[in-house]
Amino acid sequence: MLRLSIASALLLALSVPASADWTQAQRTRFLGQCVESCQSTLRLPDSKLKVCNETCGCVADQAETTVTPADMYAIDEAAAAGQTTEAMQKIRGYFPGCAKKSIRIP
């Protein structure tokens, strides 16, 4: 249940630029929005906030290997228009596995 909640909560973060070899600004923005969305949606106690940090970091690491900076700019534009891109779908696919790994982190 927590995995699905994290995945759902973090979909909001997909409007952030990111990429294969993202710029530092793109990665920072992605992580910031992802973690903020996770924390505000799940309302985790302070002792569990590491789950959001770890999940978002994992997703960013994986997405950076497959999603280009140009894809991320397209994601930003599509999200603003209420649309979905193939790159968004790729990123969404990383959330369940990353959330599962993060829940196991002591």
PDB file of N, CA and C in Angstrom:
ATOM      1  N   MET A   1       0.824  -1.192   0.000  1.00  0.00           N
ATOM      2  CA  MET A   1       0.000   0.000   0.000  1.00  0.00           C
ATOM      3  C   MET A   1       0.863   1.249   0.000  1.00  0.00           C
ATOM      4  N   LEU A   2       1.909   1.245   0.832  1.00  0.00           N
ATOM      5  CA  LEU A   2       2.794   2.400   0.904  1.00  0.00           C
ATOM      6  C   LEU A   2       3.480   2.624  -0.440  1.00  0.00           C
ATOM      7  N   ARG A   3       3.876   1.532  -1.103  1.00  0.00           N
ATOM      8  CA  ARG A   3       4.502   1.664  -2.421  1.00  0.00           C
ATOM      9  C   ARG A   3       3.580   2.366  -3.399  1.00  0.00           C
ATOM     10  N   LEU A   4       2.338   1.936  -3.436  1.00  0.00           N
ATOM     11  CA  LEU A   4       1.382   2.551  -4.356  1.00  0.00           C
ATOM     12  C   LEU A   4       1.119   3.996  -3.987  1.00  0.00           C
ATOM     13  N   SER A   5       1.065   4.275  -2.701  1.00  0.00           N
ATOM     14  CA  SER A   5       0.848   5.649  -2.260  1.00  0.00           C
ATOM     15  C   SER A   5       2.009   6.536  -2.668  1.00  0.00           C
ATOM     16  N   ILE A   6       3.213   6.034  -2.499  1.00  0.00           N
ATOM     17  CA  ILE A   6       4.388   6.817  -2.885  1.00  0.00           C
ATOM     18  C   ILE A   6       4.377   7.053  -4.384  1.00  0.00           C
ATOM     19  N   ALA A   7       4.099   6.009  -5.149  1.00  0.00           N
ATOM     20  CA  ALA A   7       4.069   6.160  -6.606  1.00  0.00           C
ATOM     21  C   ALA A   7       3.024   7.190  -7.020  1.00  0.00           C
ATOM     22  N   SER A   8       1.867   7.121  -6.422  1.00  0.00           N
ATOM     23  CA  SER A   8       0.814   8.079  -6.758  1.00  0.00           C
ATOM     24  C   SER A   8       1.199   9.485  -6.353  1.00  0.00           C
ATOM     25  N   ALA A   9       1.756   9.611  -5.171  1.00  0.00           N
ATOM     26  CA  ALA A   9       2.133  10.926  -4.664  1.00  0.00           C
ATOM     27  C   ALA A   9       3.209  11.566  -5.513  1.00  0.00           C
ATOM     28  N   LEU A  10       4.085  10.772  -6.019  1.00  0.00           N
ATOM     29  CA  LEU A  10       5.227  11.308  -6.727  1.00  0.00           C
ATOM     30  C   LEU A  10       4.965  11.607  -8.197  1.00  0.00           C
ATOM     31  N   LEU A  11       3.815  11.252  -8.696  1.00  0.00           N
ATOM     32  CA  LEU A  11       3.495  11.557 -10.083  1.00  0.00           C
ATOM     33  C   LEU A  11       3.524  13.062 -10.333  1.00  0.00           C
ATOM     34  N   LEU A  12       3.239  13.822  -9.304  1.00  0.00           N
ATOM     35  CA  LEU A  12       3.288  15.275  -9.441  1.00  0.00           C
ATOM     36  C   LEU A  12       4.693  15.752  -9.778  1.00  0.00           C
ATOM     37  N   ALA A  13       5.670  15.033  -9.357  1.00  0.00           N
ATOM     38  CA  ALA A  13       7.054  15.434  -9.588  1.00  0.00           C
ATOM     39  C   ALA A  13       7.477  15.258 -11.038  1.00  0.00           C
ATOM     40  N   LEU A  14       6.669  14.622 -11.833  1.00  0.00           N
ATOM     41  CA  LEU A  14       7.048  14.339 -13.208  1.00  0.00           C
ATOM     42  C   LEU A  14       7.028  15.557 -14.111  1.00  0.00           C
ATOM     43  N   SER A  15       6.568  16.667 -13.621  1.00  0.00           N
ATOM     44  CA  SER A  15       6.572  17.874 -14.442  1.00  0.00           C
ATOM     45  C   SER A  15       7.910  18.593 -14.336  1.00  0.00           C
ATOM     46  N   VAL A  16       8.889  17.935 -13.771  1.00  0.00           N
ATOM     47  CA  VAL A  16      10.189  18.538 -13.536  1.00  0.00           C
ATOM     48  C   VAL A  16      11.170  18.136 -14.629  1.00  0.00           C
ATOM     49  N   PRO A  17      11.999  19.043 -15.106  1.00  0.00           N
ATOM     50  CA  PRO A  17      13.020  18.654 -16.059  1.00  0.00           C
ATOM     51  C   PRO A  17      14.011  17.665 -15.459  1.00  0.00           C
ATOM     52  N   ALA A  18      14.389  16.673 -16.208  1.00  0.00           N
ATOM     53  CA  ALA A  18      15.392  15.701 -15.792  1.00  0.00           C
ATOM     54  C   ALA A  18      15.962  15.061 -17.042  1.00  0.00           C
ATOM     55  N   SER A  19      17.014  14.202 -16.928  1.00  0.00           N
ATOM     56  CA  SER A  19      17.538  13.610 -18.145  1.00  0.00           C
ATOM     57  C   SER A  19      18.686  12.667 -17.933  1.00  0.00           C
ATOM     58  N   ALA A  20      19.103  12.032 -19.052  1.00  0.00           N
ATOM     59  CA  ALA A  20      20.366  11.323 -19.063  1.00  0.00           C
ATOM     60  C   ALA A  20      21.394  12.441 -19.021  1.00  0.00           C
ATOM     61  N   ASP A  21      22.243  12.428 -18.030  1.00  0.00           N
ATOM     62  CA  ASP A  21      23.175  13.534 -17.806  1.00  0.00           C
ATOM     63  C   ASP A  21      22.430  14.838 -17.591  1.00  0.00           C
ATOM     64  N   TRP A  22      21.485  14.802 -16.675  1.00  0.00           N
ATOM     65  CA  TRP A  22      20.736  16.004 -16.339  1.00  0.00           C
ATOM     66  C   TRP A  22      21.684  17.094 -15.864  1.00  0.00           C
ATOM     67  N   THR A  23      21.257  18.313 -15.986  1.00  0.00           N
ATOM     68  CA  THR A  23      22.020  19.398 -15.377  1.00  0.00           C
ATOM     69  C   THR A  23      21.782  19.320 -13.870  1.00  0.00           C
ATOM     70  N   GLN A  24      22.656  19.972 -13.117  1.00  0.00           N
ATOM     71  CA  GLN A  24      22.481  19.984 -11.668  1.00  0.00           C
ATOM     72  C   GLN A  24      21.140  20.631 -11.302  1.00  0.00           C
ATOM     73  N   ALA A  25      20.773  21.670 -12.033  1.00  0.00           N
ATOM     74  CA  ALA A  25      19.507  22.353 -11.765  1.00  0.00           C
ATOM     75  C   ALA A  25      18.315  21.427 -12.021  1.00  0.00           C
ATOM     76  N   GLN A  26      18.374  20.625 -13.080  1.00  0.00           N
ATOM     77  CA  GLN A  26      17.287  19.698 -13.384  1.00  0.00           C
ATOM     78  C   GLN A  26      17.144  18.653 -12.283  1.00  0.00           C
ATOM     79  N   ARG A  27      18.267  18.082 -11.871  1.00  0.00           N
ATOM     80  CA  ARG A  27      18.223  17.055 -10.822  1.00  0.00           C
ATOM     81  C   ARG A  27      17.712  17.647  -9.508  1.00  0.00           C
ATOM     82  N   THR A  28      18.215  18.818  -9.164  1.00  0.00           N
ATOM     83  CA  THR A  28      17.799  19.467  -7.923  1.00  0.00           C
ATOM     84  C   THR A  28      16.301  19.755  -7.940  1.00  0.00           C
ATOM     85  N   ARG A  29      15.817  20.239  -9.050  1.00  0.00           N
ATOM     86  CA  ARG A  29      14.392  20.547  -9.164  1.00  0.00           C
ATOM     87  C   ARG A  29      13.553  19.272  -9.074  1.00  0.00           C
ATOM     88  N   PHE A  30      13.956  18.239  -9.795  1.00  0.00           N
ATOM     89  CA  PHE A  30      13.228  16.975  -9.747  1.00  0.00           C
ATOM     90  C   PHE A  30      13.156  16.446  -8.319  1.00  0.00           C
ATOM     91  N   LEU A  31      14.314  16.366  -7.670  1.00  0.00           N
ATOM     92  CA  LEU A  31      14.358  15.832  -6.313  1.00  0.00           C
ATOM     93  C   LEU A  31      13.532  16.682  -5.352  1.00  0.00           C
ATOM     94  N   GLY A  32      13.652  17.986  -5.466  1.00  0.00           N
ATOM     95  CA  GLY A  32      12.905  18.867  -4.579  1.00  0.00           C
ATOM     96  C   GLY A  32      11.403  18.686  -4.701  1.00  0.00           C
ATOM     97  N   GLN A  33      10.921  18.674  -5.923  1.00  0.00           N
ATOM     98  CA  GLN A  33       9.479  18.516  -6.128  1.00  0.00           C
ATOM     99  C   GLN A  33       9.008  17.112  -5.762  1.00  0.00           C
ATOM    100  N   CYS A  34       9.810  16.134  -6.071  1.00  0.00           N
ATOM    101  CA  CYS A  34       9.453  14.752  -5.768  1.00  0.00           C
ATOM    102  C   CYS A  34       9.338  14.550  -4.260  1.00  0.00           C
ATOM    103  N   VAL A  35      10.350  14.973  -3.523  1.00  0.00           N
ATOM    104  CA  VAL A  35      10.352  14.796  -2.071  1.00  0.00           C
ATOM    105  C   VAL A  35       9.219  15.602  -1.430  1.00  0.00           C
ATOM    106  N   GLU A  36       9.033  16.830  -1.871  1.00  0.00           N
ATOM    107  CA  GLU A  36       7.963  17.659  -1.320  1.00  0.00           C
ATOM    108  C   GLU A  36       6.601  17.008  -1.541  1.00  0.00           C
ATOM    109  N   SER A  37       6.372  16.507  -2.740  1.00  0.00           N
ATOM    110  CA  SER A  37       5.107  15.853  -3.060  1.00  0.00           C
ATOM    111  C   SER A  37       4.906  14.605  -2.205  1.00  0.00           C
ATOM    112  N   CYS A  38       5.945  13.830  -2.081  1.00  0.00           N
ATOM    113  CA  CYS A  38       5.886  12.607  -1.273  1.00  0.00           C
ATOM    114  C   CYS A  38       5.541  12.934   0.173  1.00  0.00           C
ATOM    115  N   GLN A  39       6.263  13.879   0.738  1.00  0.00           N
ATOM    116  CA  GLN A  39       6.061  14.219   2.150  1.00  0.00           C
ATOM    117  C   GLN A  39       4.679  14.804   2.411  1.00  0.00           C
ATOM    118  N   SER A  40       4.233  15.677   1.545  1.00  0.00           N
ATOM    119  CA  SER A  40       2.937  16.319   1.781  1.00  0.00           C
ATOM    120  C   SER A  40       1.771  15.365   1.518  1.00  0.00           C
ATOM    121  N   THR A  41       1.921  14.471   0.582  1.00  0.00           N
ATOM    122  CA  THR A  41       0.842  13.546   0.256  1.00  0.00           C
ATOM    123  C   THR A  41       0.739  12.405   1.268  1.00  0.00           C
ATOM    124  N   LEU A  42       1.868  11.852   1.630  1.00  0.00           N
ATOM    125  CA  LEU A  42       1.842  10.689   2.524  1.00  0.00           C
ATOM    126  C   LEU A  42       1.760  11.064   3.992  1.00  0.00           C
ATOM    127  N   ARG A  43       2.132  12.297   4.320  1.00  0.00           N
ATOM    128  CA  ARG A  43       2.119  12.770   5.718  1.00  0.00           C
ATOM    129  C   ARG A  43       2.822  11.781   6.631  1.00  0.00           C
ATOM    130  N   LEU A  44       4.024  11.412   6.252  1.00  0.00           N
ATOM    131  CA  LEU A  44       4.806  10.472   7.038  1.00  0.00           C
ATOM    132  C   LEU A  44       5.343  11.149   8.302  1.00  0.00           C
ATOM    133  N   PRO A  45       5.506  10.382   9.377  1.00  0.00           N
ATOM    134  CA  PRO A  45       6.142  10.959  10.559  1.00  0.00           C
ATOM    135  C   PRO A  45       7.605  11.274  10.220  1.00  0.00           C
ATOM    136  N   ASP A  46       8.191  12.190  10.959  1.00  0.00           N
ATOM    137  CA  ASP A  46       9.565  12.604  10.692  1.00  0.00           C
ATOM    138  C   ASP A  46      10.519  11.417  10.610  1.00  0.00           C
ATOM    139  N   SER A  47      10.258  10.396  11.410  1.00  0.00           N
ATOM    140  CA  SER A  47      11.137   9.225  11.423  1.00  0.00           C
ATOM    141  C   SER A  47      11.095   8.440  10.115  1.00  0.00           C
ATOM    142  N   LYS A  48      10.089   8.682   9.269  1.00  0.00           N
ATOM    143  CA  LYS A  48       9.935   7.947   8.011  1.00  0.00           C
ATOM    144  C   LYS A  48      10.192   8.799   6.766  1.00  0.00           C
ATOM    145  N   LEU A  49      10.572  10.059   6.938  1.00  0.00           N
ATOM    146  CA  LEU A  49      10.776  10.932   5.786  1.00  0.00           C
ATOM    147  C   LEU A  49      11.919  10.464   4.890  1.00  0.00           C
ATOM    148  N   LYS A  50      12.802   9.663   5.436  1.00  0.00           N
ATOM    149  CA  LYS A  50      13.896   9.123   4.635  1.00  0.00           C
ATOM    150  C   LYS A  50      13.363   8.285   3.466  1.00  0.00           C
ATOM    151  N   VAL A  51      12.185   7.716   3.614  1.00  0.00           N
ATOM    152  CA  VAL A  51      11.570   6.925   2.542  1.00  0.00           C
ATOM    153  C   VAL A  51      11.390   7.802   1.302  1.00  0.00           C
ATOM    154  N   CYS A  52      10.918   9.027   1.489  1.00  0.00           N
ATOM    155  CA  CYS A  52      10.726   9.940   0.348  1.00  0.00           C
ATOM    156  C   CYS A  52      12.068  10.298  -0.282  1.00  0.00           C
ATOM    157  N   ASN A  53      13.041  10.633   0.544  1.00  0.00           N
ATOM    158  CA  ASN A  53      14.360  10.996   0.025  1.00  0.00           C
ATOM    159  C   ASN A  53      14.983   9.852  -0.765  1.00  0.00           C
ATOM    160  N   GLU A  54      14.914   8.662  -0.226  1.00  0.00           N
ATOM    161  CA  GLU A  54      15.514   7.495  -0.873  1.00  0.00           C
ATOM    162  C   GLU A  54      14.759   7.115  -2.148  1.00  0.00           C
ATOM    163  N   THR A  55      13.439   7.143  -2.097  1.00  0.00           N
ATOM    164  CA  THR A  55      12.646   6.793  -3.273  1.00  0.00           C
ATOM    165  C   THR A  55      12.918   7.770  -4.407  1.00  0.00           C
ATOM    166  N   CYS A  56      12.875   9.048  -4.115  1.00  0.00           N
ATOM    167  CA  CYS A  56      13.090  10.065  -5.146  1.00  0.00           C
ATOM    168  C   CYS A  56      14.513  10.010  -5.700  1.00  0.00           C
ATOM    169  N   GLY A  57      15.482   9.774  -4.844  1.00  0.00           N
ATOM    170  CA  GLY A  57      16.860   9.645  -5.311  1.00  0.00           C
ATOM    171  C   GLY A  57      17.030   8.459  -6.239  1.00  0.00           C
ATOM    172  N   CYS A  58      16.422   7.351  -5.884  1.00  0.00           N
ATOM    173  CA  CYS A  58      16.470   6.142  -6.715  1.00  0.00           C
ATOM    174  C   CYS A  58      15.824   6.395  -8.075  1.00  0.00           C
ATOM    175  N   VAL A  59      14.652   7.012  -8.057  1.00  0.00           N
ATOM    176  CA  VAL A  59      13.945   7.295  -9.316  1.00  0.00           C
ATOM    177  C   VAL A  59      14.801   8.223 -10.181  1.00  0.00           C
ATOM    178  N   ALA A  60      15.362   9.254  -9.590  1.00  0.00           N
ATOM    179  CA  ALA A  60      16.198  10.191 -10.351  1.00  0.00           C
ATOM    180  C   ALA A  60      17.404   9.467 -10.947  1.00  0.00           C
ATOM    181  N   ASP A  61      18.052   8.626 -10.151  1.00  0.00           N
ATOM    182  CA  ASP A  61      19.214   7.879 -10.647  1.00  0.00           C
ATOM    183  C   ASP A  61      18.852   7.023 -11.853  1.00  0.00           C
ATOM    184  N   GLN A  62      17.737   6.327 -11.761  1.00  0.00           N
ATOM    185  CA  GLN A  62      17.329   5.463 -12.866  1.00  0.00           C
ATOM    186  C   GLN A  62      16.872   6.271 -14.081  1.00  0.00           C
ATOM    187  N   ALA A  63      16.106   7.310 -13.825  1.00  0.00           N
ATOM    188  CA  ALA A  63      15.590   8.120 -14.932  1.00  0.00           C
ATOM    189  C   ALA A  63      16.719   8.819 -15.677  1.00  0.00           C
ATOM    190  N   GLU A  64      17.746   9.235 -14.972  1.00  0.00           N
ATOM    191  CA  GLU A  64      18.867   9.913 -15.628  1.00  0.00           C
ATOM    192  C   GLU A  64      19.551   9.051 -16.673  1.00  0.00           C
ATOM    193  N   THR A  65      19.407   7.755 -16.557  1.00  0.00           N
ATOM    194  CA  THR A  65      20.060   6.870 -17.518  1.00  0.00           C
ATOM    195  C   THR A  65      19.250   6.675 -18.792  1.00  0.00           C
ATOM    196  N   THR A  66      17.963   7.045 -18.770  1.00  0.00           N
ATOM    197  CA  THR A  66      17.114   6.783 -19.932  1.00  0.00           C
ATOM    198  C   THR A  66      16.368   7.999 -20.465  1.00  0.00           C
ATOM    199  N   VAL A  67      16.221   9.019 -19.659  1.00  0.00           N
ATOM    200  CA  VAL A  67      15.445  10.195 -20.039  1.00  0.00           C
ATOM    201  C   VAL A  67      16.396  11.359 -20.277  1.00  0.00           C
ATOM    202  N   THR A  68      16.375  11.892 -21.468  1.00  0.00           N
ATOM    203  CA  THR A  68      17.306  12.961 -21.834  1.00  0.00           C
ATOM    204  C   THR A  68      16.856  14.310 -21.290  1.00  0.00           C
ATOM    205  N   PRO A  69      17.761  15.304 -21.273  1.00  0.00           N
ATOM    206  CA  PRO A  69      17.363  16.644 -20.849  1.00  0.00           C
ATOM    207  C   PRO A  69      16.241  17.191 -21.747  1.00  0.00           C
ATOM    208  N   ALA A  70      16.312  16.913 -23.023  1.00  0.00           N
ATOM    209  CA  ALA A  70      15.250  17.367 -23.936  1.00  0.00           C
ATOM    210  C   ALA A  70      13.916  16.715 -23.579  1.00  0.00           C
ATOM    211  N   ASP A  71      13.960  15.420 -23.215  1.00  0.00           N
ATOM    212  CA  ASP A  71      12.741  14.734 -22.776  1.00  0.00           C
ATOM    213  C   ASP A  71      12.148  15.425 -21.557  1.00  0.00           C
ATOM    214  N   MET A  72      13.014  15.836 -20.654  1.00  0.00           N
ATOM    215  CA  MET A  72      12.540  16.451 -19.431  1.00  0.00           C
ATOM    216  C   MET A  72      11.884  17.804 -19.692  1.00  0.00           C
ATOM    217  N   TYR A  73      12.441  18.560 -20.620  1.00  0.00           N
ATOM    218  CA  TYR A  73      11.797  19.824 -20.977  1.00  0.00           C
ATOM    219  C   TYR A  73      10.436  19.560 -21.622  1.00  0.00           C
ATOM    220  N   ALA A  74      10.362  18.496 -22.417  1.00  0.00           N
ATOM    221  CA  ALA A  74       9.082  18.117 -23.031  1.00  0.00           C
ATOM    222  C   ALA A  74       8.088  17.658 -21.965  1.00  0.00           C
ATOM    223  N   ILE A  75       8.572  16.972 -20.947  1.00  0.00           N
ATOM    224  CA  ILE A  75       7.721  16.547 -19.835  1.00  0.00           C
ATOM    225  C   ILE A  75       7.134  17.768 -19.140  1.00  0.00           C
ATOM    226  N   ASP A  76       7.971  18.761 -18.901  1.00  0.00           N
ATOM    227  CA  ASP A  76       7.523  19.983 -18.232  1.00  0.00           C
ATOM    228  C   ASP A  76       6.407  20.649 -19.029  1.00  0.00           C
ATOM    229  N   GLU A  77       6.608  20.763 -20.328  1.00  0.00           N
ATOM    230  CA  GLU A  77       5.600  21.388 -21.192  1.00  0.00           C
ATOM    231  C   GLU A  77       4.316  20.557 -21.241  1.00  0.00           C
ATOM    232  N   ALA A  78       4.469  19.245 -21.357  1.00  0.00           N
ATOM    233  CA  ALA A  78       3.292  18.370 -21.426  1.00  0.00           C
ATOM    234  C   ALA A  78       2.502  18.426 -20.122  1.00  0.00           C
ATOM    235  N   ALA A  79       3.207  18.395 -19.003  1.00  0.00           N
ATOM    236  CA  ALA A  79       2.521  18.443 -17.706  1.00  0.00           C
ATOM    237  C   ALA A  79       1.750  19.751 -17.557  1.00  0.00           C
ATOM    238  N   ALA A  80       2.337  20.839 -18.006  1.00  0.00           N
ATOM    239  CA  ALA A  80       1.654  22.135 -17.930  1.00  0.00           C
ATOM    240  C   ALA A  80       0.385  22.144 -18.772  1.00  0.00           C
ATOM    241  N   ALA A  81       0.389  21.344 -19.839  1.00  0.00           N
ATOM    242  CA  ALA A  81      -0.776  21.263 -20.728  1.00  0.00           C
ATOM    243  C   ALA A  81      -1.716  20.116 -20.348  1.00  0.00           C
ATOM    244  N   GLY A  82      -1.392  19.419 -19.249  1.00  0.00           N
ATOM    245  CA  GLY A  82      -2.235  18.308 -18.818  1.00  0.00           C
ATOM    246  C   GLY A  82      -2.080  17.064 -19.659  1.00  0.00           C
ATOM    247  N   GLN A  83      -0.948  16.930 -20.319  1.00  0.00           N
ATOM    248  CA  GLN A  83      -0.703  15.774 -21.186  1.00  0.00           C
ATOM    249  C   GLN A  83       0.337  14.850 -20.566  1.00  0.00           C
ATOM    250  N   THR A  84       0.497  13.691 -21.182  1.00  0.00           N
ATOM    251  CA  THR A  84       1.470  12.697 -20.733  1.00  0.00           C
ATOM    252  C   THR A  84       2.409  12.379 -21.887  1.00  0.00           C
ATOM    253  N   THR A  85       3.664  12.105 -21.568  1.00  0.00           N
ATOM    254  CA  THR A  85       4.639  11.718 -22.590  1.00  0.00           C
ATOM    255  C   THR A  85       5.149  10.306 -22.305  1.00  0.00           C
ATOM    256  N   GLU A  86       5.811   9.743 -23.288  1.00  0.00           N
ATOM    257  CA  GLU A  86       6.415   8.425 -23.111  1.00  0.00           C
ATOM    258  C   GLU A  86       7.469   8.455 -22.004  1.00  0.00           C
ATOM    259  N   ALA A  87       8.214   9.548 -21.926  1.00  0.00           N
ATOM    260  CA  ALA A  87       9.240   9.683 -20.883  1.00  0.00           C
ATOM    261  C   ALA A  87       8.597   9.706 -19.494  1.00  0.00           C
ATOM    262  N   MET A  88       7.439  10.326 -19.378  1.00  0.00           N
ATOM    263  CA  MET A  88       6.721  10.327 -18.093  1.00  0.00           C
ATOM    264  C   MET A  88       6.381   8.902 -17.692  1.00  0.00           C
ATOM    265  N   GLN A  89       5.936   8.128 -18.656  1.00  0.00           N
ATOM    266  CA  GLN A  89       5.590   6.736 -18.380  1.00  0.00           C
ATOM    267  C   GLN A  89       6.813   5.955 -17.914  1.00  0.00           C
ATOM    268  N   LYS A  90       7.959   6.218 -18.542  1.00  0.00           N
ATOM    269  CA  LYS A  90       9.199   5.562 -18.121  1.00  0.00           C
ATOM    270  C   LYS A  90       9.485   5.872 -16.658  1.00  0.00           C
ATOM    271  N   ILE A  91       9.406   7.153 -16.316  1.00  0.00           N
ATOM    272  CA  ILE A  91       9.721   7.567 -14.951  1.00  0.00           C
ATOM    273  C   ILE A  91       8.731   6.951 -13.969  1.00  0.00           C
ATOM    274  N   ARG A  92       7.474   6.951 -14.305  1.00  0.00           N
ATOM    275  CA  ARG A  92       6.459   6.340 -13.427  1.00  0.00           C
ATOM    276  C   ARG A  92       6.791   4.886 -13.138  1.00  0.00           C
ATOM    277  N   GLY A  93       7.338   4.219 -14.124  1.00  0.00           N
ATOM    278  CA  GLY A  93       7.676   2.809 -13.968  1.00  0.00           C
ATOM    279  C   GLY A  93       8.757   2.540 -12.937  1.00  0.00           C
ATOM    280  N   TYR A  94       9.546   3.543 -12.609  1.00  0.00           N
ATOM    281  CA  TYR A  94      10.616   3.369 -11.620  1.00  0.00           C
ATOM    282  C   TYR A  94      10.116   3.479 -10.177  1.00  0.00           C
ATOM    283  N   PHE A  95       8.985   4.118  -9.957  1.00  0.00           N
ATOM    284  CA  PHE A  95       8.531   4.364  -8.588  1.00  0.00           C
ATOM    285  C   PHE A  95       8.281   3.106  -7.764  1.00  0.00           C
ATOM    286  N   PRO A  96       7.569   2.103  -8.260  1.00  0.00           N
ATOM    287  CA  PRO A  96       7.296   0.941  -7.407  1.00  0.00           C
ATOM    288  C   PRO A  96       8.559   0.241  -6.894  1.00  0.00           C
ATOM    289  N   GLY A  97       9.503  -0.009  -7.770  1.00  0.00           N
ATOM    290  CA  GLY A  97      10.733  -0.683  -7.343  1.00  0.00           C
ATOM    291  C   GLY A  97      11.552   0.164  -6.387  1.00  0.00           C
ATOM    292  N   CYS A  98      11.618   1.446  -6.658  1.00  0.00           N
ATOM    293  CA  CYS A  98      12.379   2.343  -5.781  1.00  0.00           C
ATOM    294  C   CYS A  98      11.702   2.474  -4.421  1.00  0.00           C
ATOM    295  N   ALA A  99      10.387   2.564  -4.400  1.00  0.00           N
ATOM    296  CA  ALA A  99       9.666   2.657  -3.127  1.00  0.00           C
ATOM    297  C   ALA A  99       9.875   1.387  -2.310  1.00  0.00           C
ATOM    298  N   LYS A 100       9.830   0.259  -2.985  1.00  0.00           N
ATOM    299  CA  LYS A 100      10.026  -1.021  -2.293  1.00  0.00           C
ATOM    300  C   LYS A 100      11.418  -1.075  -1.664  1.00  0.00           C
ATOM    301  N   LYS A 101      12.429  -0.643  -2.412  1.00  0.00           N
ATOM    302  CA  LYS A 101      13.795  -0.617  -1.884  1.00  0.00           C
ATOM    303  C   LYS A 101      13.895   0.352  -0.714  1.00  0.00           C
ATOM    304  N   SER A 102      13.261   1.486  -0.826  1.00  0.00           N
ATOM    305  CA  SER A 102      13.353   2.516   0.210  1.00  0.00           C
ATOM    306  C   SER A 102      12.711   2.086   1.515  1.00  0.00           C
ATOM    307  N   ILE A 103      11.640   1.345   1.430  1.00  0.00           N
ATOM    308  CA  ILE A 103      10.947   0.875   2.640  1.00  0.00           C
ATOM    309  C   ILE A 103      11.837  -0.080   3.418  1.00  0.00           C
ATOM    310  N   ARG A 104      12.710  -0.766   2.747  1.00  0.00           N
ATOM    311  CA  ARG A 104      13.612  -1.724   3.395  1.00  0.00           C
ATOM    312  C   ARG A 104      14.827  -1.058   4.016  1.00  0.00           C
ATOM    313  N   ILE A 105      15.059   0.201   3.703  1.00  0.00           N
ATOM    314  CA  ILE A 105      16.236   0.896   4.237  1.00  0.00           C
ATOM    315  C   ILE A 105      16.032   1.124   5.734  1.00  0.00           C
ATOM    316  N   PRO A 106      16.999   0.695   6.564  1.00  0.00           N
ATOM    317  CA  PRO A 106      16.838   0.851   8.021  1.00  0.00           C
ATOM    318  C   PRO A 106      16.856   2.299   8.452  1.00  0.00           C
TER     319      PRO A 106
END
